[in-house]
């Protein structure tokens, strides 16, 4: 996780800045649970519920857990900060 921690932080910030493609390219490179969680949120933002649920299934989170993707991304950022 340590090797990709900074990249995942960049992916979250990119998503918060509405840079969906940039964030998506980053998370596609990793398969850990945080990358999958970010990936799930990105597809939720995109409106692709089926693909989003696919990625949520690889995490300990659920599609319905957060109603606001921005709040969810902020929560991911907080978790990533605790891993630093």
N, C-alpha and C. Protein backbone atom coordinates (compact mmCIF):
# COMPACT_ATOMS: atom_id res chain seq x y z
N UNK A 1 0.82 -1.20 0.00
CA UNK A 1 0.00 0.00 0.00
C UNK A 1 0.86 1.26 0.00
N UNK A 2 1.99 1.21 0.68
CA UNK A 2 2.80 2.41 0.81
C UNK A 2 3.23 2.98 -0.54
N UNK A 3 3.53 2.11 -1.48
CA UNK A 3 3.99 2.57 -2.78
C UNK A 3 2.93 3.35 -3.55
N UNK A 4 1.69 2.97 -3.38
CA UNK A 4 0.65 3.64 -4.14
C UNK A 4 -0.17 4.63 -3.31
N UNK A 5 0.16 4.80 -2.06
CA UNK A 5 -0.60 5.68 -1.17
C UNK A 5 -0.68 7.10 -1.72
N UNK A 6 0.44 7.65 -2.12
CA UNK A 6 0.45 9.02 -2.65
C UNK A 6 -0.33 9.11 -3.95
N UNK A 7 -0.22 8.09 -4.79
CA UNK A 7 -0.98 8.09 -6.04
C UNK A 7 -2.48 8.06 -5.77
N UNK A 8 -2.89 7.27 -4.79
CA UNK A 8 -4.32 7.21 -4.46
C UNK A 8 -4.81 8.54 -3.89
N UNK A 9 -3.97 9.21 -3.13
CA UNK A 9 -4.34 10.54 -2.64
C UNK A 9 -4.52 11.50 -3.81
N UNK A 10 -3.65 11.40 -4.80
CA UNK A 10 -3.78 12.23 -6.01
C UNK A 10 -5.08 11.90 -6.73
N UNK A 11 -5.41 10.61 -6.80
CA UNK A 11 -6.64 10.19 -7.47
C UNK A 11 -7.88 10.77 -6.78
N UNK A 12 -7.88 10.75 -5.46
CA UNK A 12 -9.01 11.31 -4.72
C UNK A 12 -9.11 12.81 -4.98
N UNK A 13 -8.00 13.50 -4.90
CA UNK A 13 -8.02 14.95 -5.13
C UNK A 13 -8.46 15.26 -6.55
N UNK A 14 -8.01 14.48 -7.51
CA UNK A 14 -8.42 14.69 -8.90
C UNK A 14 -9.93 14.51 -9.02
N UNK A 15 -10.47 13.50 -8.38
CA UNK A 15 -11.92 13.27 -8.43
C UNK A 15 -12.67 14.43 -7.79
N UNK A 16 -12.16 14.93 -6.67
CA UNK A 16 -12.79 16.07 -6.01
C UNK A 16 -12.73 17.34 -6.87
N UNK A 17 -11.73 17.37 -7.76
CA UNK A 17 -11.57 18.51 -8.67
C UNK A 17 -12.27 18.27 -10.00
N UNK A 18 -13.13 17.26 -10.03
CA UNK A 18 -13.88 16.91 -11.25
C UNK A 18 -12.98 16.48 -12.41
N UNK A 19 -11.84 15.91 -12.07
CA UNK A 19 -10.93 15.37 -13.08
C UNK A 19 -11.10 13.84 -13.10
N UNK A 20 -12.30 13.41 -13.55
CA UNK A 20 -12.68 12.01 -13.52
C UNK A 20 -11.68 11.13 -14.27
N UNK A 21 -11.33 11.51 -15.49
CA UNK A 21 -10.42 10.68 -16.30
C UNK A 21 -9.07 10.50 -15.63
N UNK A 22 -8.52 11.57 -15.10
CA UNK A 22 -7.22 11.50 -14.42
C UNK A 22 -7.29 10.54 -13.24
N UNK A 23 -8.31 10.70 -12.43
CA UNK A 23 -8.48 9.83 -11.27
C UNK A 23 -8.65 8.38 -11.69
N UNK A 24 -9.46 8.15 -12.70
CA UNK A 24 -9.74 6.80 -13.18
C UNK A 24 -8.46 6.12 -13.68
N UNK A 25 -7.64 6.85 -14.41
CA UNK A 25 -6.38 6.28 -14.92
C UNK A 25 -5.47 5.84 -13.78
N UNK A 26 -5.46 6.59 -12.71
CA UNK A 26 -4.62 6.24 -11.56
C UNK A 26 -5.13 4.97 -10.89
N UNK A 27 -6.42 4.94 -10.55
CA UNK A 27 -6.93 3.79 -9.78
C UNK A 27 -6.93 2.50 -10.58
N UNK A 28 -6.96 2.59 -11.90
CA UNK A 28 -6.91 1.38 -12.72
C UNK A 28 -5.58 0.65 -12.57
N UNK A 29 -4.58 1.33 -12.08
CA UNK A 29 -3.26 0.74 -11.92
C UNK A 29 -3.12 -0.10 -10.65
N UNK A 30 -4.08 -0.01 -9.74
CA UNK A 30 -3.96 -0.66 -8.44
C UNK A 30 -5.18 -1.53 -8.15
N UNK A 31 -4.99 -2.53 -7.31
CA UNK A 31 -6.07 -3.46 -7.00
C UNK A 31 -6.40 -3.58 -5.54
N UNK A 32 -5.80 -2.73 -4.71
CA UNK A 32 -6.08 -2.82 -3.27
C UNK A 32 -7.47 -2.26 -2.97
N UNK A 33 -7.93 -2.46 -1.76
CA UNK A 33 -9.31 -2.10 -1.43
C UNK A 33 -9.58 -0.60 -1.55
N UNK A 34 -8.61 0.24 -1.23
CA UNK A 34 -8.84 1.69 -1.35
C UNK A 34 -8.95 2.10 -2.81
N UNK A 35 -8.11 1.53 -3.66
CA UNK A 35 -8.20 1.83 -5.09
C UNK A 35 -9.54 1.38 -5.65
N UNK A 36 -9.99 0.20 -5.23
CA UNK A 36 -11.30 -0.30 -5.68
C UNK A 36 -12.42 0.59 -5.17
N UNK A 37 -12.28 1.09 -3.96
CA UNK A 37 -13.30 1.98 -3.39
C UNK A 37 -13.38 3.27 -4.20
N UNK A 38 -12.23 3.86 -4.50
CA UNK A 38 -12.21 5.08 -5.32
C UNK A 38 -12.84 4.78 -6.68
N UNK A 39 -12.45 3.66 -7.26
CA UNK A 39 -12.96 3.25 -8.56
C UNK A 39 -14.49 3.14 -8.51
N UNK A 40 -15.01 2.56 -7.44
CA UNK A 40 -16.46 2.42 -7.27
C UNK A 40 -17.14 3.78 -7.23
N UNK A 41 -16.55 4.72 -6.51
CA UNK A 41 -17.14 6.06 -6.39
C UNK A 41 -17.11 6.77 -7.75
N UNK A 42 -16.03 6.59 -8.48
CA UNK A 42 -15.94 7.23 -9.80
C UNK A 42 -17.07 6.76 -10.71
N UNK A 43 -17.35 5.47 -10.69
CA UNK A 43 -18.43 4.96 -11.53
C UNK A 43 -19.80 5.36 -10.99
N UNK A 44 -19.88 5.57 -9.69
CA UNK A 44 -21.12 6.11 -9.11
C UNK A 44 -21.35 7.53 -9.64
N UNK A 45 -20.29 8.33 -9.65
CA UNK A 45 -20.37 9.70 -10.17
C UNK A 45 -20.78 9.68 -11.64
N UNK A 46 -20.21 8.73 -12.37
CA UNK A 46 -20.48 8.61 -13.80
C UNK A 46 -21.93 8.19 -14.08
N UNK A 47 -22.56 7.60 -13.07
CA UNK A 47 -23.94 7.13 -13.25
C UNK A 47 -24.02 5.69 -13.69
N UNK A 48 -22.91 4.97 -13.60
CA UNK A 48 -22.86 3.56 -13.99
C UNK A 48 -22.96 2.69 -12.74
N UNK A 49 -24.19 2.50 -12.26
CA UNK A 49 -24.42 1.79 -11.00
C UNK A 49 -23.91 0.35 -11.05
N UNK A 50 -24.10 -0.33 -12.17
CA UNK A 50 -23.66 -1.72 -12.27
C UNK A 50 -22.15 -1.85 -12.11
N UNK A 51 -21.41 -1.03 -12.81
CA UNK A 51 -19.95 -1.06 -12.72
C UNK A 51 -19.50 -0.61 -11.33
N UNK A 52 -20.18 0.39 -10.79
CA UNK A 52 -19.86 0.86 -9.45
C UNK A 52 -20.03 -0.27 -8.43
N UNK A 53 -21.13 -0.98 -8.51
CA UNK A 53 -21.38 -2.09 -7.57
C UNK A 53 -20.33 -3.19 -7.73
N UNK A 54 -19.87 -3.42 -8.94
CA UNK A 54 -18.80 -4.39 -9.20
C UNK A 54 -17.57 -4.04 -8.36
N UNK A 55 -17.19 -2.75 -8.37
CA UNK A 55 -16.01 -2.32 -7.62
C UNK A 55 -16.26 -2.30 -6.12
N UNK A 56 -17.47 -1.92 -5.71
CA UNK A 56 -17.79 -1.97 -4.28
C UNK A 56 -17.67 -3.38 -3.74
N UNK A 57 -17.99 -4.37 -4.54
CA UNK A 57 -17.92 -5.77 -4.10
C UNK A 57 -16.50 -6.17 -3.73
N UNK A 58 -15.52 -5.40 -4.14
CA UNK A 58 -14.11 -5.68 -3.82
C UNK A 58 -13.61 -4.87 -2.63
N UNK A 59 -14.56 -4.24 -1.94
CA UNK A 59 -14.24 -3.44 -0.76
C UNK A 59 -15.11 -3.89 0.41
N UNK A 60 -14.95 -3.22 1.53
CA UNK A 60 -15.81 -3.49 2.68
C UNK A 60 -16.96 -2.48 2.75
N UNK A 61 -17.20 -1.79 1.66
CA UNK A 61 -18.23 -0.76 1.59
C UNK A 61 -19.33 -1.16 0.62
N UNK A 62 -20.44 -0.44 0.72
CA UNK A 62 -21.58 -0.71 -0.15
C UNK A 62 -22.01 0.54 -0.91
N UNK A 63 -22.60 0.32 -2.05
CA UNK A 63 -23.06 1.40 -2.92
C UNK A 63 -23.94 2.39 -2.16
N UNK A 64 -24.81 1.90 -1.30
CA UNK A 64 -25.77 2.74 -0.60
C UNK A 64 -25.22 3.40 0.66
N UNK A 65 -24.00 3.11 1.01
CA UNK A 65 -23.43 3.61 2.26
C UNK A 65 -23.34 5.13 2.31
N UNK A 66 -23.03 5.74 1.19
CA UNK A 66 -22.91 7.21 1.10
C UNK A 66 -23.81 7.70 -0.01
N UNK A 67 -24.58 8.71 0.27
CA UNK A 67 -25.46 9.29 -0.75
C UNK A 67 -24.70 10.31 -1.61
N UNK A 68 -23.75 11.01 -1.00
CA UNK A 68 -23.01 12.07 -1.69
C UNK A 68 -21.60 11.58 -2.01
N UNK A 69 -21.26 11.40 -3.29
CA UNK A 69 -19.93 10.92 -3.65
C UNK A 69 -18.79 11.82 -3.15
N UNK A 70 -19.03 13.12 -3.05
CA UNK A 70 -17.98 14.03 -2.56
C UNK A 70 -17.68 13.75 -1.09
N UNK A 71 -18.71 13.51 -0.31
CA UNK A 71 -18.51 13.17 1.10
C UNK A 71 -17.76 11.84 1.19
N UNK A 72 -18.11 10.92 0.34
CA UNK A 72 -17.43 9.62 0.33
C UNK A 72 -15.96 9.77 -0.05
N UNK A 73 -15.68 10.56 -1.05
CA UNK A 73 -14.28 10.80 -1.43
C UNK A 73 -13.50 11.46 -0.30
N UNK A 74 -14.13 12.38 0.41
CA UNK A 74 -13.47 13.01 1.56
C UNK A 74 -13.18 11.98 2.64
N UNK A 75 -14.09 11.03 2.83
CA UNK A 75 -13.88 9.96 3.81
C UNK A 75 -12.71 9.07 3.39
N UNK A 76 -12.63 8.78 2.10
CA UNK A 76 -11.50 7.99 1.60
C UNK A 76 -10.20 8.74 1.86
N UNK A 77 -10.19 10.03 1.58
CA UNK A 77 -8.99 10.83 1.82
C UNK A 77 -8.58 10.77 3.29
N UNK A 78 -9.55 10.84 4.19
CA UNK A 78 -9.25 10.75 5.62
C UNK A 78 -8.62 9.40 5.96
N UNK A 79 -9.17 8.34 5.41
CA UNK A 79 -8.61 7.01 5.67
C UNK A 79 -7.19 6.89 5.14
N UNK A 80 -6.97 7.42 3.94
CA UNK A 80 -5.62 7.35 3.36
C UNK A 80 -4.64 8.14 4.21
N UNK A 81 -5.08 9.26 4.77
CA UNK A 81 -4.22 10.06 5.65
C UNK A 81 -3.81 9.29 6.90
N UNK A 82 -4.70 8.43 7.41
CA UNK A 82 -4.37 7.66 8.60
C UNK A 82 -3.35 6.57 8.31
N UNK A 83 -3.20 6.21 7.03
CA UNK A 83 -2.26 5.16 6.66
C UNK A 83 -0.86 5.71 6.43
N UNK A 84 -0.75 7.02 6.34
CA UNK A 84 0.56 7.64 6.04
C UNK A 84 1.54 7.48 7.18
